[in-house]
C-alpha atoms as a PDB file:
ATOM      1  CA  MET A   1      -1.754  38.300  15.897  1.00  0.00           C
ATOM      2  CA  ARG A   2       0.999  36.769  18.252  1.00  0.00           C
ATOM      3  CA  ARG A   3       2.710  34.273  16.271  1.00  0.00           C
ATOM      4  CA  GLU A   4       5.501  31.222  17.751  1.00  0.00           C
ATOM      5  CA  ILE A   5       9.299  32.541  16.509  1.00  0.00           C
ATOM      6  CA  SER A   6      10.780  30.166  14.749  1.00  0.00           C
ATOM      7  CA  VAL A   7      14.263  29.897  13.665  1.00  0.00           C
ATOM      8  CA  SER A   8      17.086  27.539  11.290  1.00  0.00           C
ATOM      9  CA  GLY A   9      20.276  26.389  12.584  1.00  0.00           C
ATOM     10  CA  ALA A  10      21.458  25.760   8.895  1.00  0.00           C
ATOM     11  CA  LYS A  11      24.299  27.473   8.769  1.00  0.00           C
ATOM     12  CA  MET A  12      25.526  26.670  12.293  1.00  0.00           C
ATOM     13  CA  ALA A  13      25.123  23.136  11.754  1.00  0.00           C
ATOM     14  CA  ALA A  14      28.209  23.483   8.793  1.00  0.00           C
ATOM     15  CA  ASN A  15      30.513  22.529  11.547  1.00  0.00           C
ATOM     16  CA  THR A  16      27.966  21.380  14.496  1.00  0.00           C
ATOM     17  CA  ASP A  17      26.751  18.143  15.159  1.00  0.00           C
ATOM     18  CA  LEU A  18      22.835  18.090  15.390  1.00  0.00           C
ATOM     19  CA  GLN A  19      22.509  17.115  19.086  1.00  0.00           C
ATOM     20  CA  THR A  20      24.580  21.018  19.723  1.00  0.00           C
ATOM     21  CA  CYS A  21      22.421  22.449  17.205  1.00  0.00           C
ATOM     22  CA  PHE A  22      19.777  21.673  19.050  1.00  0.00           C
ATOM     23  CA  ASP A  23      20.779  22.455  22.344  1.00  0.00           C
ATOM     24  CA  THR A  24      21.982  26.306  21.235  1.00  0.00           C
ATOM     25  CA  LEU A  25      18.645  26.718  19.332  1.00  0.00           C
ATOM     26  CA  ARG A  26      16.324  25.272  22.978  1.00  0.00           C
ATOM     27  CA  GLU A  27      18.811  27.625  24.928  1.00  0.00           C
ATOM     28  CA  ALA A  28      18.504  30.782  23.520  1.00  0.00           C
ATOM     29  CA  GLY A  29      14.796  29.689  23.704  1.00  0.00           C
ATOM     30  CA  TYR A  30      13.260  28.816  20.806  1.00  0.00           C
ATOM     31  CA  ARG A  31      11.085  25.828  21.229  1.00  0.00           C
ATOM     32  CA  CYS A  32      10.189  25.648  17.241  1.00  0.00           C
ATOM     33  CA  MET A  33      13.323  25.485  14.441  1.00  0.00           C
ATOM     34  CA  ASP A  34      13.507  25.156  10.641  1.00  0.00           C
ATOM     35  CA  PHE A  35      15.216  21.818  10.210  1.00  0.00           C
ATOM     36  CA  TRP A  36      18.018  22.555   7.887  1.00  0.00           C
ATOM     37  CA  LEU A  37      17.371  18.389   6.033  1.00  0.00           C
ATOM     38  CA  CYS A  38      18.605  19.629   2.933  1.00  0.00           C
ATOM     39  CA  LYS A  39      22.422  19.410   4.383  1.00  0.00           C
ATOM     40  CA  TYR A  40      22.309  15.922   4.748  1.00  0.00           C
ATOM     41  CA  CYS A  41      21.280  14.819   0.977  1.00  0.00           C
ATOM     42  CA  ALA A  42      24.080  14.969  -1.117  1.00  0.00           C
ATOM     43  CA  GLY A  43      26.939  12.981  -1.462  1.00  0.00           C
ATOM     44  CA  GLU A  44      28.341   9.423  -0.385  1.00  0.00           C
ATOM     45  CA  ASP A  45      28.885  10.254   3.090  1.00  0.00           C
ATOM     46  CA  ALA A  46      25.063  12.055   3.131  1.00  0.00           C
ATOM     47  CA  PRO A  47      22.975  10.392   5.735  1.00  0.00           C
ATOM     48  CA  LEU A  48      19.900  10.701   3.385  1.00  0.00           C
ATOM     49  CA  ALA A  49      21.981   8.868   0.265  1.00  0.00           C
ATOM     50  CA  LYS A  50      22.655   5.484   2.616  1.00  0.00           C
ATOM     51  CA  LYS A  51      20.392   2.576   2.879  1.00  0.00           C
ATOM     52  CA  ASP A  52      19.824   3.518   6.828  1.00  0.00           C
ATOM     53  CA  TRP A  53      18.501   7.149   6.153  1.00  0.00           C
ATOM     54  CA  ARG A  54      15.051   5.982   7.659  1.00  0.00           C
ATOM     55  CA  GLN A  55      17.068   5.528  11.034  1.00  0.00           C
ATOM     56  CA  TRP A  56      19.135   8.755  11.164  1.00  0.00           C
ATOM     57  CA  VAL A  57      15.865  10.544  10.412  1.00  0.00           C
ATOM     58  CA  ARG A  58      14.599   8.782  13.808  1.00  0.00           C
ATOM     59  CA  ASP A  59      18.065   9.710  15.923  1.00  0.00           C
ATOM     60  CA  ALA A  60      17.695  13.081  14.686  1.00  0.00           C
ATOM     61  CA  ALA A  61      13.631  13.564  15.472  1.00  0.00           C
ATOM     62  CA  GLU A  62      14.101  11.681  19.024  1.00  0.00           C
ATOM     63  CA  CYS A  63      17.326  14.042  19.717  1.00  0.00           C
ATOM     64  CA  ALA A  64      15.201  17.140  18.804  1.00  0.00           C
ATOM     65  CA  ALA A  65      12.341  16.192  20.398  1.00  0.00           C
ATOM     66  CA  GLU A  66      15.255  15.623  23.997  1.00  0.00           C
ATOM     67  CA  SER A  67      16.363  19.263  23.302  1.00  0.00           C
ATOM     68  CA  GLY A  68      12.739  20.364  23.542  1.00  0.00           C
ATOM     69  CA  LEU A  69      12.186  21.367  20.140  1.00  0.00           C
ATOM     70  CA  ARG A  70       9.463  20.958  17.730  1.00  0.00           C
ATOM     71  CA  VAL A  71      10.326  20.977  13.696  1.00  0.00           C
ATOM     72  CA  GLY A  72       7.621  23.446  12.047  1.00  0.00           C
ATOM     73  CA  GLN A  73       9.010  23.427   8.610  1.00  0.00           C
ATOM     74  CA  MET A  74      11.870  21.917   6.510  1.00  0.00           C
ATOM     75  CA  HIS A  75      14.253  22.968   3.787  1.00  0.00           C
ATOM     76  CA  ALA A  76      14.197  19.902   0.514  1.00  0.00           C
ATOM     77  CA  HIS A  77      17.322  19.481  -1.041  1.00  0.00           C
ATOM     78  CA  TRP A  78      18.181  22.004  -3.600  1.00  0.00           C
ATOM     79  CA  ASP A  79      21.609  22.323  -4.251  1.00  0.00           C
ATOM     80  CA  HIS A  80      21.615  19.235  -6.619  1.00  0.00           C
ATOM     81  CA  PRO A  81      23.207  19.749 -10.524  1.00  0.00           C
ATOM     82  CA  HIS A  82      19.896  18.325 -12.171  1.00  0.00           C
ATOM     83  CA  GLN A  83      18.552  21.430 -13.299  1.00  0.00           C
ATOM     84  CA  ILE A  84      17.130  22.363 -16.576  1.00  0.00           C
ATOM     85  CA  HIS A  85      19.128  22.146 -19.126  1.00  0.00           C
ATOM     86  CA  GLU A  86      20.190  24.449 -22.325  1.00  0.00           C
ATOM     87  CA  ASP A  87      17.817  22.561 -24.410  1.00  0.00           C
ATOM     88  CA  MET A  88      14.771  22.660 -22.010  1.00  0.00           C
ATOM     89  CA  THR A  89      15.403  19.124 -21.084  1.00  0.00           C
ATOM     90  CA  TYR A  90      15.357  18.547 -17.370  1.00  0.00           C
ATOM     91  CA  ASP A  91      16.467  15.581 -14.997  1.00  0.00           C
ATOM     92  CA  ALA A  92      15.727  16.892 -11.429  1.00  0.00           C
ATOM     93  CA  PRO A  93      15.499  14.027  -9.172  1.00  0.00           C
ATOM     94  CA  LEU A  94      12.351  12.223  -7.821  1.00  0.00           C
ATOM     95  CA  ASP A  95      13.380  10.265  -5.428  1.00  0.00           C
ATOM     96  CA  ILE A  96      15.383  12.158  -3.088  1.00  0.00           C
ATOM     97  CA  HIS A  97      12.430  14.779  -3.272  1.00  0.00           C
ATOM     98  CA  CYS A  98       9.975  12.093  -2.378  1.00  0.00           C
ATOM     99  CA  GLN A  99      12.353  10.805   0.222  1.00  0.00           C
ATOM    100  CA  ASN A 100      12.136  14.363   1.551  1.00  0.00           C
ATOM    101  CA  ILE A 101       8.371  14.337   1.982  1.00  0.00           C
ATOM    102  CA  GLU A 102       8.539  11.544   3.921  1.00  0.00           C
ATOM    103  CA  ALA A 103      11.461  12.394   6.386  1.00  0.00           C
ATOM    104  CA  ALA A 104       9.318  15.402   7.131  1.00  0.00           C
ATOM    105  CA  ALA A 105       6.572  13.077   8.069  1.00  0.00           C
ATOM    106  CA  MET A 106       8.839  11.447  10.203  1.00  0.00           C
ATOM    107  CA  MET A 107       9.590  14.063  11.949  1.00  0.00           C
ATOM    108  CA  GLY A 108       6.035  15.942  12.514  1.00  0.00           C
ATOM    109  CA  CYS A 109       6.374  18.218  10.300  1.00  0.00           C
ATOM    110  CA  ARG A 110       4.199  19.348   7.426  1.00  0.00           C
ATOM    111  CA  ARG A 111       6.008  21.744   5.191  1.00  0.00           C
ATOM    112  CA  LEU A 112       8.162  21.467   3.135  1.00  0.00           C
ATOM    113  CA  ILE A 113       9.950  24.216   1.179  1.00  0.00           C
ATOM    114  CA  PHE A 114      11.715  23.291  -2.226  1.00  0.00           C
ATOM    115  CA  HIS A 115      13.221  26.056  -4.440  1.00  0.00           C
ATOM    116  CA  PRO A 116      11.852  25.653  -7.602  1.00  0.00           C
ATOM    117  CA  ILE A 117      13.720  24.184 -10.357  1.00  0.00           C
ATOM    118  CA  GLN A 118      16.063  26.325 -12.486  1.00  0.00           C
ATOM    119  CA  ARG A 119      17.588  26.628 -15.982  1.00  0.00           C
ATOM    120  CA  TRP A 120      20.936  28.896 -15.374  1.00  0.00           C
ATOM    121  CA  PHE A 121      21.781  29.893 -18.690  1.00  0.00           C
ATOM    122  CA  ARG A 122      20.586  33.344 -19.782  1.00  0.00           C
ATOM    123  CA  MET A 123      16.954  33.837 -20.478  1.00  0.00           C
ATOM    124  CA  THR A 124      16.020  36.284 -23.408  1.00  0.00           C
ATOM    125  CA  ASP A 125      12.721  34.855 -25.068  1.00  0.00           C
ATOM    126  CA  PRO A 126       9.792  35.433 -22.426  1.00  0.00           C
ATOM    127  CA  ALA A 127       8.086  32.269 -23.865  1.00  0.00           C
ATOM    128  CA  MET A 128      11.144  30.209 -22.725  1.00  0.00           C
ATOM    129  CA  ARG A 129      11.015  31.850 -19.255  1.00  0.00           C
ATOM    130  CA  GLN A 130       7.436  30.750 -19.394  1.00  0.00           C
ATOM    131  CA  GLN A 131       7.956  27.288 -20.098  1.00  0.00           C
ATOM    132  CA  VAL A 132      10.055  27.197 -17.086  1.00  0.00           C
ATOM    133  CA  LEU A 133       7.092  28.247 -15.234  1.00  0.00           C
ATOM    134  CA  ASP A 134       5.115  25.404 -16.697  1.00  0.00           C
ATOM    135  CA  ILE A 135       7.628  22.678 -16.628  1.00  0.00           C
ATOM    136  CA  ASN A 136       8.213  23.155 -12.551  1.00  0.00           C
ATOM    137  CA  ALA A 137       4.220  22.859 -12.505  1.00  0.00           C
ATOM    138  CA  ASP A 138       4.735  19.104 -14.438  1.00  0.00           C
ATOM    139  CA  TRP A 139       7.532  18.109 -12.230  1.00  0.00           C
ATOM    140  CA  PHE A 140       5.622  19.170  -9.019  1.00  0.00           C
ATOM    141  CA  SER A 141       2.669  17.830  -9.983  1.00  0.00           C
ATOM    142  CA  LYS A 142       4.699  14.243  -9.815  1.00  0.00           C
ATOM    143  CA  LEU A 143       5.624  15.184  -6.134  1.00  0.00           C
ATOM    144  CA  LEU A 144       2.117  15.074  -5.379  1.00  0.00           C
ATOM    145  CA  PRO A 145       1.402  11.473  -4.843  1.00  0.00           C
ATOM    146  CA  ALA A 146       3.882  11.369  -2.123  1.00  0.00           C
ATOM    147  CA  ALA A 147       2.777  14.815  -0.832  1.00  0.00           C
ATOM    148  CA  GLU A 148      -0.611  13.167  -0.193  1.00  0.00           C
ATOM    149  CA  GLN A 149       0.299   9.720   1.043  1.00  0.00           C
ATOM    150  CA  TYR A 150       2.147  11.294   3.998  1.00  0.00           C
ATOM    151  CA  GLY A 151       0.133  14.917   4.233  1.00  0.00           C
ATOM    152  CA  VAL A 152       2.779  16.499   3.843  1.00  0.00           C
ATOM    153  CA  GLU A 153       2.521  20.367   2.193  1.00  0.00           C
ATOM    154  CA  LEU A 154       5.044  21.708  -0.912  1.00  0.00           C
ATOM    155  CA  HIS A 155       6.098  24.800   0.022  1.00  0.00           C
ATOM    156  CA  LEU A 156       7.383  27.106  -3.382  1.00  0.00           C
ATOM    157  CA  GLU A 157      10.002  29.874  -2.039  1.00  0.00           C
ATOM    158  CA  ASN A 158      11.085  33.127  -4.733  1.00  0.00           C
ATOM    159  CA  LEU A 159      14.244  32.824  -5.605  1.00  0.00           C
ATOM    160  CA  PHE A 160      16.228  35.813  -6.984  1.00  0.00           C
ATOM    161  CA  ASP A 161      19.049  35.613 -10.180  1.00  0.00           C
ATOM    162  CA  HIS A 162      22.183  34.682  -7.476  1.00  0.00           C
ATOM    163  CA  LYS A 163      24.396  33.233 -10.544  1.00  0.00           C
ATOM    164  CA  HIS A 164      23.791  36.834 -12.504  1.00  0.00           C
ATOM    165  CA  VAL A 165      23.071  34.922 -15.805  1.00  0.00           C
ATOM    166  CA  GLN A 166      20.279  37.727 -17.010  1.00  0.00           C
ATOM    167  CA  GLN A 167      21.459  41.367 -18.436  1.00  0.00           C
ATOM    168  CA  PRO A 168      19.565  44.418 -18.298  1.00  0.00           C
ATOM    169  CA  GLY A 169      16.911  44.156 -20.568  1.00  0.00           C
ATOM    170  CA  ASP A 170      15.735  40.887 -20.294  1.00  0.00           C
ATOM    171  CA  PRO A 171      13.175  39.131 -19.010  1.00  0.00           C
ATOM    172  CA  VAL A 172      12.822  38.670 -15.276  1.00  0.00           C
ATOM    173  CA  PHE A 173      14.997  35.733 -13.951  1.00  0.00           C
ATOM    174  CA  PRO A 174      11.991  33.289 -13.471  1.00  0.00           C
ATOM    175  CA  PHE A 175      10.337  32.545 -10.081  1.00  0.00           C
ATOM    176  CA  SER A 176      11.463  35.761  -8.617  1.00  0.00           C
ATOM    177  CA  THR A 177       8.310  37.312  -8.294  1.00  0.00           C
ATOM    178  CA  ALA A 178       4.883  36.860  -7.175  1.00  0.00           C
ATOM    179  CA  GLU A 179       3.117  36.408 -10.040  1.00  0.00           C
ATOM    180  CA  ASP A 180       5.753  33.503 -10.788  1.00  0.00           C
ATOM    181  CA  LEU A 181       4.541  31.675  -7.551  1.00  0.00           C
ATOM    182  CA  LEU A 182       1.426  32.243  -8.109  1.00  0.00           C
ATOM    183  CA  TYR A 183       0.604  30.660 -11.784  1.00  0.00           C
ATOM    184  CA  VAL A 184       2.754  27.470 -10.544  1.00  0.00           C
ATOM    185  CA  VAL A 185       0.491  27.202  -6.927  1.00  0.00           C
ATOM    186  CA  GLN A 186      -2.542  28.487  -8.957  1.00  0.00           C
ATOM    187  CA  LYS A 187      -1.852  25.470 -11.958  1.00  0.00           C
ATOM    188  CA  LEU A 188      -1.199  22.762  -9.712  1.00  0.00           C
ATOM    189  CA  ASN A 189      -4.268  24.086  -7.675  1.00  0.00           C
ATOM    190  CA  HIS A 190      -3.780  21.254  -4.450  1.00  0.00           C
ATOM    191  CA  PRO A 191      -4.544  22.149  -1.131  1.00  0.00           C
ATOM    192  CA  LEU A 192      -1.213  20.210  -0.397  1.00  0.00           C
ATOM    193  CA  VAL A 193       0.602  23.169  -2.428  1.00  0.00           C
ATOM    194  CA  LYS A 194       1.506  27.107  -1.117  1.00  0.00           C
ATOM    195  CA  ILE A 195       4.384  29.233  -1.080  1.00  0.00           C
ATOM    196  CA  CYS A 196       7.483  30.715   0.982  1.00  0.00           C
ATOM    197  CA  LEU A 197       8.286  34.019   0.841  1.00  0.00           C
ATOM    198  CA  ASP A 198      11.823  34.691   1.336  1.00  0.00           C
ATOM    199  CA  THR A 199      12.025  38.587   2.146  1.00  0.00           C
ATOM    200  CA  GLY A 200      15.516  38.647   1.530  1.00  0.00           C
ATOM    201  CA  HIS A 201      14.926  37.459  -2.181  1.00  0.00           C
ATOM    202  CA  ALA A 202      12.748  39.281  -2.629  1.00  0.00           C
ATOM    203  CA  ASN A 203      14.548  42.991  -1.071  1.00  0.00           C
ATOM    204  CA  ILE A 204      17.288  41.844  -3.535  1.00  0.00           C
ATOM    205  CA  ASN A 205      14.648  42.007  -6.719  1.00  0.00           C
ATOM    206  CA  SER A 206      13.904  45.300  -5.674  1.00  0.00           C
ATOM    207  CA  LEU A 207      10.047  44.537  -4.752  1.00  0.00           C
ATOM    208  CA  ASP A 208       7.815  45.419  -2.637  1.00  0.00           C
ATOM    209  CA  VAL A 209       7.753  42.904  -0.072  1.00  0.00           C
ATOM    210  CA  PRO A 210       4.628  43.796   1.571  1.00  0.00           C
ATOM    211  CA  GLN A 211       2.591  43.772  -1.318  1.00  0.00           C
ATOM    212  CA  MET A 212       3.812  40.105  -2.078  1.00  0.00           C
ATOM    213  CA  ILE A 213       2.392  38.840   1.407  1.00  0.00           C
ATOM    214  CA  ARG A 214      -1.195  40.454  -0.038  1.00  0.00           C
ATOM    215  CA  ALA A 215      -0.740  39.052  -3.029  1.00  0.00           C
ATOM    216  CA  PHE A 216      -0.115  35.416  -2.041  1.00  0.00           C
ATOM    217  CA  GLY A 217      -2.809  36.143   0.664  1.00  0.00           C
ATOM    218  CA  ARG A 218      -4.239  32.049   2.210  1.00  0.00           C
ATOM    219  CA  LEU A 219      -1.854  30.655  -0.305  1.00  0.00           C
ATOM    220  CA  LEU A 220       1.404  31.918   1.976  1.00  0.00           C
ATOM    221  CA  GLY A 221       2.460  28.828   3.791  1.00  0.00           C
ATOM    222  CA  SER A 222       5.670  29.895   5.544  1.00  0.00           C
ATOM    223  CA  LEU A 223       7.931  32.742   5.279  1.00  0.00           C
ATOM    224  CA  HIS A 224      11.954  33.031   5.594  1.00  0.00           C
ATOM    225  CA  LEU A 225      12.226  36.593   7.561  1.00  0.00           C
ATOM    226  CA  ASN A 226      15.601  37.302   6.346  1.00  0.00           C
ATOM    227  CA  ASP A 227      17.379  40.582   6.158  1.00  0.00           C
ATOM    228  CA  ASN A 228      19.512  42.704   3.664  1.00  0.00           C
ATOM    229  CA  TYR A 229      20.777  45.505   1.695  1.00  0.00           C
ATOM    230  CA  GLY A 230      19.104  44.890  -1.363  1.00  0.00           C
ATOM    231  CA  LYS A 231      20.910  44.879  -4.685  1.00  0.00           C
ATOM    232  CA  ILE A 232      24.282  45.995  -3.693  1.00  0.00           C
ATOM    233  CA  GLY A 233      26.530  43.623  -6.038  1.00  0.00           C
ATOM    234  CA  PRO A 234      29.226  42.668  -7.012  1.00  0.00           C
ATOM    235  CA  ILE A 235      29.453  41.669  -3.589  1.00  0.00           C
ATOM    236  CA  TYR A 236      27.006  38.542  -2.294  1.00  0.00           C
ATOM    237  CA  GLU A 237      23.773  39.748  -1.714  1.00  0.00           C
ATOM    238  CA  ASP A 238      21.416  37.613   0.284  1.00  0.00           C
ATOM    239  CA  LEU A 239      23.344  38.229   3.766  1.00  0.00           C
ATOM    240  CA  HIS A 240      20.463  36.177   5.143  1.00  0.00           C
ATOM    241  CA  LEU A 241      20.542  38.660   8.225  1.00  0.00           C
ATOM    242  CA  PHE A 242      18.409  38.844  10.909  1.00  0.00           C
ATOM    243  CA  PRO A 243      15.240  40.998  10.883  1.00  0.00           C
ATOM    244  CA  GLY A 244      16.212  44.509  11.706  1.00  0.00           C
ATOM    245  CA  TYR A 245      19.465  44.233  10.765  1.00  0.00           C
ATOM    246  CA  GLY A 246      19.159  45.249   7.339  1.00  0.00           C
ATOM    247  CA  ARG A 247      16.650  47.901   4.840  1.00  0.00           C
ATOM    248  CA  LEU A 248      13.913  45.736   5.095  1.00  0.00           C
ATOM    249  CA  PRO A 249      10.232  47.478   5.826  1.00  0.00           C
ATOM    250  CA  TRP A 250       9.621  45.365   9.211  1.00  0.00           C
ATOM    251  CA  PRO A 251       6.025  47.349  10.029  1.00  0.00           C
ATOM    252  CA  GLN A 252       4.987  46.845   6.957  1.00  0.00           C
ATOM    253  CA  ILE A 253       5.710  43.215   6.834  1.00  0.00           C
ATOM    254  CA  MET A 254       4.235  42.770   9.926  1.00  0.00           C
ATOM    255  CA  ALA A 255       1.048  44.977   8.983  1.00  0.00           C
ATOM    256  CA  ALA A 256       0.558  42.724   6.176  1.00  0.00           C
ATOM    257  CA  LEU A 257       0.733  39.370   7.872  1.00  0.00           C
ATOM    258  CA  ASP A 258      -1.950  40.240   9.730  1.00  0.00           C
ATOM    259  CA  GLU A 259      -4.294  42.135   7.100  1.00  0.00           C
ATOM    260  CA  ILE A 260      -3.961  38.301   4.896  1.00  0.00           C
ATOM    261  CA  GLY A 261      -4.560  36.533   8.297  1.00  0.00           C
ATOM    262  CA  TYR A 262      -1.098  34.661   8.449  1.00  0.00           C
ATOM    263  CA  ALA A 263      -1.323  32.542  11.693  1.00  0.00           C
ATOM    264  CA  ASP A 264       2.044  30.163  11.301  1.00  0.00           C
ATOM    265  CA  THR A 265       5.750  30.592  12.566  1.00  0.00           C
ATOM    266  CA  LEU A 266       7.386  33.692  12.151  1.00  0.00           C
ATOM    267  CA  ASN A 267      10.443  32.160  10.751  1.00  0.00           C
ATOM    268  CA  MET A 268      13.928  32.970  10.695  1.00  0.00           C
ATOM    269  CA  GLU A 269      16.863  31.627   8.105  1.00  0.00           C
ATOM    270  CA  PRO A 270      20.116  33.499   9.490  1.00  0.00           C
ATOM    271  CA  GLY A 271      23.766  33.140   7.595  1.00  0.00           C
ATOM    272  CA  GLY A 272      26.090  35.671   8.276  1.00  0.00           C
ATOM    273  CA  GLU A 273      29.158  34.350  10.381  1.00  0.00           C
ATOM    274  CA  LEU A 274      27.571  32.339  12.819  1.00  0.00           C
ATOM    275  CA  LYS A 275      29.542  29.217  11.313  1.00  0.00           C
ATOM    276  CA  ASN A 276      32.596  30.807  12.739  1.00  0.00           C
ATOM    277  CA  LEU A 277      31.573  31.512  16.410  1.00  0.00           C
ATOM    278  CA  PRO A 278      31.973  29.747  19.524  1.00  0.00           C
ATOM    279  CA  ARG A 279      28.712  28.522  21.198  1.00  0.00           C
ATOM    280  CA  PRO A 280      28.102  31.206  23.255  1.00  0.00           C
ATOM    281  CA  LEU A 281      28.118  33.898  20.619  1.00  0.00           C
ATOM    282  CA  ARG A 282      25.939  31.830  18.911  1.00  0.00           C
ATOM    283  CA  ALA A 283      23.734  31.306  21.856  1.00  0.00           C
ATOM    284  CA  ILE A 284      23.419  35.251  22.270  1.00  0.00           C
ATOM    285  CA  GLN A 285      23.009  36.178  18.749  1.00  0.00           C
ATOM    286  CA  TYR A 286      20.019  33.415  18.384  1.00  0.00           C
ATOM    287  CA  ARG A 287      18.892  34.729  21.387  1.00  0.00           C
ATOM    288  CA  ALA A 288      19.007  38.605  20.509  1.00  0.00           C
ATOM    289  CA  ALA A 289      17.389  37.953  17.127  1.00  0.00           C
ATOM    290  CA  LEU A 290      14.346  35.929  19.190  1.00  0.00           C
ATOM    291  CA  GLU A 291      14.219  38.891  21.362  1.00  0.00           C
ATOM    292  CA  MET A 292      14.260  41.337  18.080  1.00  0.00           C
ATOM    293  CA  VAL A 293      11.336  39.567  16.604  1.00  0.00           C
ATOM    294  CA  GLU A 294       9.111  39.215  19.856  1.00  0.00           C
ATOM    295  CA  THR A 295       9.688  43.029  19.812  1.00  0.00           C
ATOM    296  CA  MET A 296       8.670  43.542  16.506  1.00  0.00           C
ATOM    297  CA  GLN A 297       5.274  41.659  16.950  1.00  0.00           C
ATOM    298  CA  GLN A 298       4.300  43.687  20.068  1.00  0.00           C
ATOM    299  CA  LEU A 299       5.224  47.134  18.778  1.00  0.00           C
ATOM    300  CA  TYR A 300       3.817  46.459  14.574  1.00  0.00           C
ATOM    301  CA  CYS A 301       1.262  43.491  14.676  1.00  0.00           C
ATOM    302  CA  GLN A 302      -2.313  43.869  16.264  1.00  0.00           C
ATOM    303  CA  LEU A 303      -2.567  41.775  19.449  1.00  0.00           C
END
């Protein structure tokens, strides 16, 4: 099955205006992108923190359209301090995330990806870990009215313990496994709630990515196709390499996507040194990644 290929420009956007980001992706050959809305949510000067945020979203949508790009998926605000506290209370903000849902609809996007809210303290009790899952089910249920109002799907992304709070012998970090995501999504039991698989996060957790895809089945709604070398601490593991630049089993991953009938975009979320490269070199990197994944489809997918 041949699928459309999309990509995020979040790293490029760290020091580049939207128009240049969009034009670079378009010139590299993309028609679809994962828009990095999360980059514009935090801080007094953030566009989505201002009263005229809807005008900024309309302008961004117009800019993308003029560059010939469609927004296939978006990443909701995640890098915020309001997580689950040590005493298991939480104050994760609903307002900014409801705003993100409306913004997605305004940009013609029906897939909004969320990091589950977390508790960044060591958990030695499996019951406490289970409580984190149940807190998330409750919190995401509060977003469903906005999702229904705007027709936007909520996609929960698998994570890994990037702050290294858990110690050997402790229960696995919440939302590291396919079972955790399936538990919450099935508990919510709503057609607008699906799963986003980040292959890089799964690889850091030493998980069988093709088997995760099979476990998710029809609940798999979106992808972050990232490559890395697995858990290689003490350096930062989540390298966000383009597919084929690390050690993930891409033939088996593509075969598993075929097996479950996944028909949506093959989306990449690159990191690395893109923000430090001049624009011509960025375009080369993005173009090479597009050709790499397109060739993977030709080699590994059933056409």
